[in-house]
Amino acid sequence: MIRTALTLAAVVSLAACGETPQTGTGAKRDTAAFQGTSNPYNAPGWKAGDKTAWELHLKSRLQNGQNEYNRIR
């Protein structure tokens, strides 16, 4: 009885170690950052695919929010 229980426990625990092959075709291809996404967290007024607006937004963010020299003064 104990031997059967131990064997069953070993088989069940080893069954969890198997890895299934990941051959799905649902992978999303990478796109340029300015192409955007369709989620509600985009910056207000920005439209997906507008590369110039994307670059201006990044430049503004760099100068106004992430530049410690400007923030200290």
C-alpha atoms as a PDB file:
ATOM      1  CA  MET A   1       0.000   0.000   0.000  1.00  0.00           C
ATOM      2  CA  ILE A   2       2.728   2.460   0.979  1.00  0.00           C
ATOM      3  CA  ARG A   3       4.845   1.340  -1.947  1.00  0.00           C
ATOM      4  CA  THR A   4       1.970   1.982  -4.368  1.00  0.00           C
ATOM      5  CA  ALA A   5       1.348   5.427  -2.876  1.00  0.00           C
ATOM      6  CA  LEU A   6       5.032   6.364  -3.193  1.00  0.00           C
ATOM      7  CA  THR A   7       5.162   5.132  -6.773  1.00  0.00           C
ATOM      8  CA  LEU A   8       2.032   7.080  -7.643  1.00  0.00           C
ATOM      9  CA  ALA A   9       3.438  10.228  -5.984  1.00  0.00           C
ATOM     10  CA  ALA A  10       6.695   9.863  -7.941  1.00  0.00           C
ATOM     11  CA  VAL A  11       4.860   9.425 -11.236  1.00  0.00           C
ATOM     12  CA  VAL A  12       2.633  12.442 -10.608  1.00  0.00           C
ATOM     13  CA  SER A  13       5.543  14.666  -9.563  1.00  0.00           C
ATOM     14  CA  LEU A  14       7.649  13.653 -12.569  1.00  0.00           C
ATOM     15  CA  ALA A  15       4.743  14.240 -14.952  1.00  0.00           C
ATOM     16  CA  ALA A  16       4.840  17.934 -14.017  1.00  0.00           C
ATOM     17  CA  CYS A  17       8.446  18.203 -15.218  1.00  0.00           C
ATOM     18  CA  GLY A  18       7.609  17.641 -18.876  1.00  0.00           C
ATOM     19  CA  GLU A  19       7.671  20.623 -21.210  1.00  0.00           C
ATOM     20  CA  THR A  20       5.316  20.904 -24.127  1.00  0.00           C
ATOM     21  CA  PRO A  21       6.740  22.207 -27.424  1.00  0.00           C
ATOM     22  CA  GLN A  22       6.043  25.866 -28.103  1.00  0.00           C
ATOM     23  CA  THR A  23       5.226  25.801 -31.792  1.00  0.00           C
ATOM     24  CA  GLY A  24       2.324  28.252 -31.801  1.00  0.00           C
ATOM     25  CA  THR A  25       1.927  30.656 -34.698  1.00  0.00           C
ATOM     26  CA  GLY A  26       0.346  33.394 -32.569  1.00  0.00           C
ATOM     27  CA  ALA A  27       3.597  35.294 -32.105  1.00  0.00           C
ATOM     28  CA  LYS A  28       3.335  39.025 -32.749  1.00  0.00           C
ATOM     29  CA  ARG A  29       5.972  40.590 -34.962  1.00  0.00           C
ATOM     30  CA  ASP A  30       7.841  43.590 -33.636  1.00  0.00           C
ATOM     31  CA  THR A  31       6.876  46.989 -34.965  1.00  0.00           C
ATOM     32  CA  ALA A  32       8.417  50.410 -34.611  1.00  0.00           C
ATOM     33  CA  ALA A  33       7.612  52.202 -31.348  1.00  0.00           C
ATOM     34  CA  PHE A  34       5.863  55.099 -33.058  1.00  0.00           C
ATOM     35  CA  GLN A  35       3.389  52.689 -34.674  1.00  0.00           C
ATOM     36  CA  GLY A  36       1.749  52.484 -31.260  1.00  0.00           C
ATOM     37  CA  THR A  37      -0.830  50.205 -29.797  1.00  0.00           C
ATOM     38  CA  SER A  38      -4.552  50.244 -29.419  1.00  0.00           C
ATOM     39  CA  ASN A  39      -4.682  50.638 -25.654  1.00  0.00           C
ATOM     40  CA  PRO A  40      -6.170  53.516 -23.651  1.00  0.00           C
ATOM     41  CA  TYR A  41      -2.825  54.483 -22.054  1.00  0.00           C
ATOM     42  CA  ASN A  42      -1.380  56.407 -24.983  1.00  0.00           C
ATOM     43  CA  ALA A  43      -0.482  60.051 -24.458  1.00  0.00           C
ATOM     44  CA  PRO A  44      -3.423  62.380 -25.082  1.00  0.00           C
ATOM     45  CA  GLY A  45      -3.476  63.844 -28.569  1.00  0.00           C
ATOM     46  CA  TRP A  46      -0.991  61.365 -30.013  1.00  0.00           C
ATOM     47  CA  LYS A  47      -2.026  59.244 -32.977  1.00  0.00           C
ATOM     48  CA  ALA A  48      -0.437  55.900 -33.772  1.00  0.00           C
ATOM     49  CA  GLY A  49       1.933  56.077 -36.747  1.00  0.00           C
ATOM     50  CA  ASP A  50       2.888  59.762 -36.307  1.00  0.00           C
ATOM     51  CA  LYS A  51       6.679  59.468 -36.124  1.00  0.00           C
ATOM     52  CA  THR A  52       7.349  63.220 -35.866  1.00  0.00           C
ATOM     53  CA  ALA A  53       4.967  63.654 -32.931  1.00  0.00           C
ATOM     54  CA  TRP A  54       6.512  60.614 -31.251  1.00  0.00           C
ATOM     55  CA  GLU A  55      10.019  62.065 -31.548  1.00  0.00           C
ATOM     56  CA  LEU A  56       8.877  65.463 -30.256  1.00  0.00           C
ATOM     57  CA  HIS A  57       7.149  63.838 -27.296  1.00  0.00           C
ATOM     58  CA  LEU A  58      10.299  61.885 -26.393  1.00  0.00           C
ATOM     59  CA  LYS A  59      12.437  65.016 -26.701  1.00  0.00           C
ATOM     60  CA  SER A  60      10.042  66.988 -24.486  1.00  0.00           C
ATOM     61  CA  ARG A  61       9.899  64.176 -21.941  1.00  0.00           C
ATOM     62  CA  LEU A  62      13.670  63.985 -21.836  1.00  0.00           C
ATOM     63  CA  GLN A  63      14.099  67.723 -21.318  1.00  0.00           C
ATOM     64  CA  ASN A  64      11.233  68.334 -18.891  1.00  0.00           C
ATOM     65  CA  GLY A  65      10.887  65.191 -16.870  1.00  0.00           C
ATOM     66  CA  GLN A  66      14.053  63.137 -16.928  1.00  0.00           C
ATOM     67  CA  ASN A  67      16.812  65.744 -17.021  1.00  0.00           C
ATOM     68  CA  GLU A  68      18.084  66.239 -13.461  1.00  0.00           C
ATOM     69  CA  TYR A  69      19.935  69.452 -14.378  1.00  0.00           C
ATOM     70  CA  ASN A  70      16.654  71.131 -15.339  1.00  0.00           C
ATOM     71  CA  ARG A  71      14.744  69.733 -12.365  1.00  0.00           C
ATOM     72  CA  ILE A  72      17.207  71.008  -9.735  1.00  0.00           C
ATOM     73  CA  ARG A  73      17.246  74.615 -10.893  1.00  0.00           C
END
